[in-house]
Amino acid sequence: VHRLHPVTKIFGLVLSFIACMLIIHPVSLFPFLSFVLVVAVLSGSLGNLRRVWPFMLVLFVFTFLIWCVFYGGQEVIFQWGRLRITRESILFGLGMALRLDLLFLLGLVFLSTTRVEELTAGLQWLGLPYTFGFALSLAFRMVPVLMESAFTIVQAQKSRGLDFQRGNLIQRLRRYLPVIIPVFMTALRKADGMAVALESRGFR
């Protein structure tokens, strides 16, 4: 998978996204999900998957619950007042939740097996302007920089005695506000500095 041509990977990603958008029934999505998981195992992408599986689980649960409540349908399985959960809403909720997780997993496998330089070269092979590919590669390069900045700020706040693990979920989220603001300020400062550097080199 790593040695595939970047254009092949881009076409595979686009076709996989289209297939996900055309399929909604969970029974049809399970084989596709199994195939992508096998590709993730063979390509060594599970290390990155372990870092984001809590987010994927939360995304799955919330998507499923929301569609179960609001989709509607005829064959009622559970009813409590105005709350109705039907067989159709359960199937649709499962399909939507699997679809979102599958799209996320496809993107994760693609990014785990494709270097930024290969992605830029593949986009140029497809005839897209160099500026577009270059801007996209810069965006991907900014992600680890921002993650490192957030980690540094968290460590600095911990050294000042801020405990991120104490209290309930709301209290813990509030403690991350002193981290979010400096990270965004750092991102804006770095983006502005990069824009000035590119303009000074004649990159329009």
C-alpha atoms as a PDB file:
ATOM      1  CA  VAL A   1       0.000   0.000   0.000  1.00  0.00           C
ATOM      2  CA  HIS A   2       2.837   2.398   0.835  1.00  0.00           C
ATOM      3  CA  ARG A   3       4.503   1.781  -2.555  1.00  0.00           C
ATOM      4  CA  LEU A   4       1.395   2.479  -4.635  1.00  0.00           C
ATOM      5  CA  HIS A   5       1.525   5.508  -6.926  1.00  0.00           C
ATOM      6  CA  PRO A   6      -0.042   8.565  -5.231  1.00  0.00           C
ATOM      7  CA  VAL A   7      -2.510   9.005  -8.110  1.00  0.00           C
ATOM      8  CA  THR A   8      -3.703   5.424  -7.537  1.00  0.00           C
ATOM      9  CA  LYS A   9      -4.178   6.185  -3.842  1.00  0.00           C
ATOM     10  CA  ILE A  10      -6.086   9.396  -4.579  1.00  0.00           C
ATOM     11  CA  PHE A  11      -8.388   7.621  -7.042  1.00  0.00           C
ATOM     12  CA  GLY A  12      -8.900   4.783  -4.555  1.00  0.00           C
ATOM     13  CA  LEU A  13      -9.785   7.271  -1.820  1.00  0.00           C
ATOM     14  CA  VAL A  14     -12.242   9.170  -4.030  1.00  0.00           C
ATOM     15  CA  LEU A  15     -13.924   5.968  -5.267  1.00  0.00           C
ATOM     16  CA  SER A  16     -14.142   4.650  -1.689  1.00  0.00           C
ATOM     17  CA  PHE A  17     -15.767   7.906  -0.557  1.00  0.00           C
ATOM     18  CA  ILE A  18     -18.281   7.647  -3.411  1.00  0.00           C
ATOM     19  CA  ALA A  19     -19.029   4.019  -2.502  1.00  0.00           C
ATOM     20  CA  CYS A  20     -19.624   5.049   1.133  1.00  0.00           C
ATOM     21  CA  MET A  21     -22.038   7.774   0.084  1.00  0.00           C
ATOM     22  CA  LEU A  22     -23.992   5.369  -2.161  1.00  0.00           C
ATOM     23  CA  ILE A  23     -24.414   2.678   0.525  1.00  0.00           C
ATOM     24  CA  ILE A  24     -26.487   3.238   3.664  1.00  0.00           C
ATOM     25  CA  HIS A  25     -27.627  -0.218   4.812  1.00  0.00           C
ATOM     26  CA  PRO A  26     -25.370  -1.447   7.684  1.00  0.00           C
ATOM     27  CA  VAL A  27     -25.311  -5.035   6.360  1.00  0.00           C
ATOM     28  CA  SER A  28     -23.830  -3.750   3.085  1.00  0.00           C
ATOM     29  CA  LEU A  29     -21.354  -1.502   4.879  1.00  0.00           C
ATOM     30  CA  PHE A  30     -19.896  -4.226   7.131  1.00  0.00           C
ATOM     31  CA  PRO A  31     -17.953  -6.040   4.355  1.00  0.00           C
ATOM     32  CA  PHE A  32     -16.565  -2.699   3.164  1.00  0.00           C
ATOM     33  CA  LEU A  33     -15.543  -1.821   6.724  1.00  0.00           C
ATOM     34  CA  SER A  34     -13.894  -5.230   7.124  1.00  0.00           C
ATOM     35  CA  PHE A  35     -11.918  -4.694   3.909  1.00  0.00           C
ATOM     36  CA  VAL A  36     -10.688  -1.259   5.052  1.00  0.00           C
ATOM     37  CA  LEU A  37      -9.669  -2.697   8.431  1.00  0.00           C
ATOM     38  CA  VAL A  38      -7.674  -5.425   6.669  1.00  0.00           C
ATOM     39  CA  VAL A  39      -5.928  -2.751   4.586  1.00  0.00           C
ATOM     40  CA  ALA A  40      -5.230  -0.799   7.782  1.00  0.00           C
ATOM     41  CA  VAL A  41      -3.646  -3.880   9.379  1.00  0.00           C
ATOM     42  CA  LEU A  42      -1.561  -4.744   6.308  1.00  0.00           C
ATOM     43  CA  SER A  43      -0.373  -1.147   5.886  1.00  0.00           C
ATOM     44  CA  GLY A  44       0.569  -0.704   9.553  1.00  0.00           C
ATOM     45  CA  SER A  45      -1.998   2.057  10.158  1.00  0.00           C
ATOM     46  CA  LEU A  46      -3.363   0.575  13.393  1.00  0.00           C
ATOM     47  CA  GLY A  47      -0.923   2.619  15.458  1.00  0.00           C
ATOM     48  CA  ASN A  48      -2.655   5.809  14.338  1.00  0.00           C
ATOM     49  CA  LEU A  49      -6.054   4.154  14.734  1.00  0.00           C
ATOM     50  CA  ARG A  50      -5.356   3.438  18.411  1.00  0.00           C
ATOM     51  CA  ARG A  51      -4.865   7.164  19.012  1.00  0.00           C
ATOM     52  CA  VAL A  52      -8.265   8.166  17.634  1.00  0.00           C
ATOM     53  CA  TRP A  53     -10.545   5.207  18.449  1.00  0.00           C
ATOM     54  CA  PRO A  54     -12.220   7.057  21.401  1.00  0.00           C
ATOM     55  CA  PHE A  55     -13.251   9.824  18.989  1.00  0.00           C
ATOM     56  CA  MET A  56     -14.546   7.254  16.492  1.00  0.00           C
ATOM     57  CA  LEU A  57     -16.512   5.507  19.237  1.00  0.00           C
ATOM     58  CA  VAL A  58     -18.098   8.781  20.419  1.00  0.00           C
ATOM     59  CA  LEU A  59     -18.904   9.710  16.806  1.00  0.00           C
ATOM     60  CA  PHE A  60     -20.545   6.324  16.248  1.00  0.00           C
ATOM     61  CA  VAL A  61     -22.637   6.406  19.453  1.00  0.00           C
ATOM     62  CA  PHE A  62     -23.866   9.995  19.059  1.00  0.00           C
ATOM     63  CA  THR A  63     -24.704   9.569  15.366  1.00  0.00           C
ATOM     64  CA  PHE A  64     -26.602   6.359  16.061  1.00  0.00           C
ATOM     65  CA  LEU A  65     -28.598   7.850  18.955  1.00  0.00           C
ATOM     66  CA  ILE A  66     -29.488  11.058  17.109  1.00  0.00           C
ATOM     67  CA  TRP A  67     -30.816   9.225  14.029  1.00  0.00           C
ATOM     68  CA  CYS A  68     -32.649   6.687  16.212  1.00  0.00           C
ATOM     69  CA  VAL A  69     -34.592   9.519  17.808  1.00  0.00           C
ATOM     70  CA  PHE A  70     -35.204  11.827  14.838  1.00  0.00           C
ATOM     71  CA  TYR A  71     -35.422   9.623  11.735  1.00  0.00           C
ATOM     72  CA  GLY A  72     -38.954   8.290  12.212  1.00  0.00           C
ATOM     73  CA  GLY A  73     -40.398   5.208  10.543  1.00  0.00           C
ATOM     74  CA  GLN A  74     -43.409   2.912  10.735  1.00  0.00           C
ATOM     75  CA  GLU A  75     -42.401  -0.239  12.661  1.00  0.00           C
ATOM     76  CA  VAL A  76     -42.232   1.003  16.273  1.00  0.00           C
ATOM     77  CA  ILE A  77     -39.921  -0.941  18.594  1.00  0.00           C
ATOM     78  CA  PHE A  78     -39.902   1.387  21.607  1.00  0.00           C
ATOM     79  CA  GLN A  79     -42.125   4.324  22.555  1.00  0.00           C
ATOM     80  CA  TRP A  80     -42.068   6.601  25.577  1.00  0.00           C
ATOM     81  CA  GLY A  81     -44.325   9.617  25.250  1.00  0.00           C
ATOM     82  CA  ARG A  82     -43.383  11.374  22.015  1.00  0.00           C
ATOM     83  CA  LEU A  83     -40.108   9.493  21.790  1.00  0.00           C
ATOM     84  CA  ARG A  84     -40.451   6.770  19.162  1.00  0.00           C
ATOM     85  CA  ILE A  85     -37.682   4.401  18.077  1.00  0.00           C
ATOM     86  CA  THR A  86     -38.485   2.369  15.006  1.00  0.00           C
ATOM     87  CA  ARG A  87     -36.798  -0.465  13.144  1.00  0.00           C
ATOM     88  CA  GLU A  88     -36.142   1.877  10.223  1.00  0.00           C
ATOM     89  CA  SER A  89     -34.509   4.495  12.459  1.00  0.00           C
ATOM     90  CA  ILE A  90     -32.228   1.877  14.056  1.00  0.00           C
ATOM     91  CA  LEU A  91     -31.091   0.591  10.659  1.00  0.00           C
ATOM     92  CA  PHE A  92     -30.611   4.127   9.305  1.00  0.00           C
ATOM     93  CA  GLY A  93     -28.748   5.208  12.468  1.00  0.00           C
ATOM     94  CA  LEU A  94     -26.445   2.193  12.266  1.00  0.00           C
ATOM     95  CA  GLY A  95     -25.812   2.895   8.585  1.00  0.00           C
ATOM     96  CA  MET A  96     -25.019   6.580   9.135  1.00  0.00           C
ATOM     97  CA  ALA A  97     -22.764   5.851  12.115  1.00  0.00           C
ATOM     98  CA  LEU A  98     -20.860   3.170  10.193  1.00  0.00           C
ATOM     99  CA  ARG A  99     -20.601   5.469   7.175  1.00  0.00           C
ATOM    100  CA  LEU A 100     -19.052   8.324   9.171  1.00  0.00           C
ATOM    101  CA  ASP A 101     -16.590   6.023  10.928  1.00  0.00           C
ATOM    102  CA  LEU A 102     -15.726   4.412   7.607  1.00  0.00           C
ATOM    103  CA  LEU A 103     -15.050   7.785   5.968  1.00  0.00           C
ATOM    104  CA  PHE A 104     -12.863   8.754   8.919  1.00  0.00           C
ATOM    105  CA  LEU A 105     -11.016   5.418   8.751  1.00  0.00           C
ATOM    106  CA  LEU A 106     -10.435   5.752   4.992  1.00  0.00           C
ATOM    107  CA  GLY A 107      -8.886   9.172   5.480  1.00  0.00           C
ATOM    108  CA  LEU A 108      -6.749   7.856   8.322  1.00  0.00           C
ATOM    109  CA  VAL A 109      -5.396   4.955   6.236  1.00  0.00           C
ATOM    110  CA  PHE A 110      -4.715   7.301   3.322  1.00  0.00           C
ATOM    111  CA  LEU A 111      -2.794   9.783   5.480  1.00  0.00           C
ATOM    112  CA  SER A 112      -0.927   6.967   7.243  1.00  0.00           C
ATOM    113  CA  THR A 113       0.309   5.493   3.969  1.00  0.00           C
ATOM    114  CA  THR A 114       0.881   8.643   1.904  1.00  0.00           C
ATOM    115  CA  ARG A 115       3.553  11.244   2.550  1.00  0.00           C
ATOM    116  CA  VAL A 116       2.679  14.900   2.056  1.00  0.00           C
ATOM    117  CA  GLU A 117       5.176  15.164  -0.815  1.00  0.00           C
ATOM    118  CA  GLU A 118       3.507  12.206  -2.573  1.00  0.00           C
ATOM    119  CA  LEU A 119       0.073  13.789  -2.161  1.00  0.00           C
ATOM    120  CA  THR A 120       1.323  17.056  -3.689  1.00  0.00           C
ATOM    121  CA  ALA A 121       2.950  15.192  -6.582  1.00  0.00           C
ATOM    122  CA  GLY A 122      -0.211  13.155  -7.164  1.00  0.00           C
ATOM    123  CA  LEU A 123      -2.362  16.276  -7.320  1.00  0.00           C
ATOM    124  CA  GLN A 124       0.049  17.780  -9.862  1.00  0.00           C
ATOM    125  CA  TRP A 125      -0.137  14.571 -11.935  1.00  0.00           C
ATOM    126  CA  LEU A 126      -3.906  15.074 -12.013  1.00  0.00           C
ATOM    127  CA  GLY A 127      -3.422  18.547 -13.479  1.00  0.00           C
ATOM    128  CA  LEU A 128      -4.277  20.632 -10.416  1.00  0.00           C
ATOM    129  CA  PRO A 129      -2.327  23.905 -10.006  1.00  0.00           C
ATOM    130  CA  TYR A 130       0.900  23.695  -8.026  1.00  0.00           C
ATOM    131  CA  THR A 131      -0.300  26.414  -5.645  1.00  0.00           C
ATOM    132  CA  PHE A 132      -3.275  24.233  -4.626  1.00  0.00           C
ATOM    133  CA  GLY A 133      -1.101  21.206  -3.844  1.00  0.00           C
ATOM    134  CA  PHE A 134       1.452  23.359  -2.063  1.00  0.00           C
ATOM    135  CA  ALA A 135      -1.210  25.005   0.130  1.00  0.00           C
ATOM    136  CA  LEU A 136      -2.663  21.579   0.982  1.00  0.00           C
ATOM    137  CA  SER A 137       0.769  20.227   1.926  1.00  0.00           C
ATOM    138  CA  LEU A 138       1.379  23.272   4.146  1.00  0.00           C
ATOM    139  CA  ALA A 139      -1.933  22.643   5.912  1.00  0.00           C
ATOM    140  CA  PHE A 140      -0.953  19.031   6.634  1.00  0.00           C
ATOM    141  CA  ARG A 141       2.475  20.124   7.861  1.00  0.00           C
ATOM    142  CA  MET A 142       0.885  22.553  10.315  1.00  0.00           C
ATOM    143  CA  VAL A 143      -1.009  19.771  12.154  1.00  0.00           C
ATOM    144  CA  PRO A 144       2.003  18.204  13.954  1.00  0.00           C
ATOM    145  CA  VAL A 145       3.332  21.688  14.732  1.00  0.00           C
ATOM    146  CA  LEU A 146       0.049  22.627  16.415  1.00  0.00           C
ATOM    147  CA  MET A 147      -0.081  19.296  18.269  1.00  0.00           C
ATOM    148  CA  GLU A 148       3.433  19.861  19.596  1.00  0.00           C
ATOM    149  CA  SER A 149       2.484  23.399  20.629  1.00  0.00           C
ATOM    150  CA  ALA A 150      -0.612  22.115  22.469  1.00  0.00           C
ATOM    151  CA  PHE A 151       1.466  19.448  24.249  1.00  0.00           C
ATOM    152  CA  THR A 152       4.015  22.078  25.366  1.00  0.00           C
ATOM    153  CA  ILE A 153       1.276  24.375  26.676  1.00  0.00           C
ATOM    154  CA  VAL A 154      -0.391  21.492  28.570  1.00  0.00           C
ATOM    155  CA  GLN A 155       2.943  20.605  30.205  1.00  0.00           C
ATOM    156  CA  ALA A 156       3.507  24.258  31.135  1.00  0.00           C
ATOM    157  CA  GLN A 157       0.055  24.482  32.741  1.00  0.00           C
ATOM    158  CA  LYS A 158       0.669  21.226  34.644  1.00  0.00           C
ATOM    159  CA  SER A 159       3.950  22.598  35.992  1.00  0.00           C
ATOM    160  CA  ARG A 160       1.964  25.571  37.346  1.00  0.00           C
ATOM    161  CA  GLY A 161      -0.289  23.175  39.269  1.00  0.00           C
ATOM    162  CA  LEU A 162      -3.275  22.884  36.911  1.00  0.00           C
ATOM    163  CA  ASP A 163      -4.757  19.374  37.216  1.00  0.00           C
ATOM    164  CA  PHE A 164      -6.545  18.323  34.022  1.00  0.00           C
ATOM    165  CA  GLN A 165      -7.853  15.038  35.472  1.00  0.00           C
ATOM    166  CA  ARG A 166      -9.724  16.336  38.547  1.00  0.00           C
ATOM    167  CA  GLY A 167     -13.490  16.881  38.553  1.00  0.00           C
ATOM    168  CA  ASN A 168     -16.281  15.904  36.203  1.00  0.00           C
ATOM    169  CA  LEU A 169     -16.256  16.145  32.416  1.00  0.00           C
ATOM    170  CA  ILE A 170     -17.449  19.774  32.282  1.00  0.00           C
ATOM    171  CA  GLN A 171     -14.826  20.911  34.796  1.00  0.00           C
ATOM    172  CA  ARG A 172     -12.075  19.102  32.889  1.00  0.00           C
ATOM    173  CA  LEU A 173     -13.167  20.686  29.609  1.00  0.00           C
ATOM    174  CA  ARG A 174     -13.093  24.144  31.210  1.00  0.00           C
ATOM    175  CA  ARG A 175      -9.489  23.560  32.274  1.00  0.00           C
ATOM    176  CA  TYR A 176      -8.522  23.105  28.637  1.00  0.00           C
ATOM    177  CA  LEU A 177      -9.592  26.684  27.785  1.00  0.00           C
ATOM    178  CA  PRO A 178      -6.174  28.080  28.849  1.00  0.00           C
ATOM    179  CA  VAL A 179      -4.679  25.635  26.322  1.00  0.00           C
ATOM    180  CA  ILE A 180      -6.987  26.301  23.379  1.00  0.00           C
ATOM    181  CA  ILE A 181      -6.456  30.074  23.255  1.00  0.00           C
ATOM    182  CA  PRO A 182      -2.608  29.975  23.081  1.00  0.00           C
ATOM    183  CA  VAL A 183      -2.773  27.179  20.475  1.00  0.00           C
ATOM    184  CA  PHE A 184      -5.022  29.270  18.225  1.00  0.00           C
ATOM    185  CA  MET A 185      -2.824  32.340  18.735  1.00  0.00           C
ATOM    186  CA  THR A 186       0.249  30.268  17.849  1.00  0.00           C
ATOM    187  CA  ALA A 187      -1.494  28.949  14.731  1.00  0.00           C
ATOM    188  CA  LEU A 188      -2.423  32.461  13.574  1.00  0.00           C
ATOM    189  CA  ARG A 189       1.101  33.732  14.261  1.00  0.00           C
ATOM    190  CA  LYS A 190       2.704  30.857  12.345  1.00  0.00           C
ATOM    191  CA  ALA A 191       0.282  31.229   9.419  1.00  0.00           C
ATOM    192  CA  ASP A 192       0.968  34.957   9.205  1.00  0.00           C
ATOM    193  CA  GLY A 193       4.740  34.385   9.368  1.00  0.00           C
ATOM    194  CA  MET A 194       4.530  31.754   6.627  1.00  0.00           C
ATOM    195  CA  ALA A 195       2.466  34.054   4.406  1.00  0.00           C
ATOM    196  CA  VAL A 196       5.075  36.821   4.792  1.00  0.00           C
ATOM    197  CA  ALA A 197       7.896  34.358   4.040  1.00  0.00           C
ATOM    198  CA  LEU A 198       6.144  33.083   0.893  1.00  0.00           C
ATOM    199  CA  GLU A 199       5.378  36.599  -0.374  1.00  0.00           C
ATOM    200  CA  SER A 200       8.969  37.691   0.190  1.00  0.00           C
ATOM    201  CA  ARG A 201      10.067  34.797  -2.064  1.00  0.00           C
ATOM    202  CA  GLY A 202       7.691  35.836  -4.849  1.00  0.00           C
ATOM    203  CA  PHE A 203       5.116  33.078  -4.257  1.00  0.00           C
ATOM    204  CA  ARG A 204       1.812  34.689  -5.151  1.00  0.00           C
END
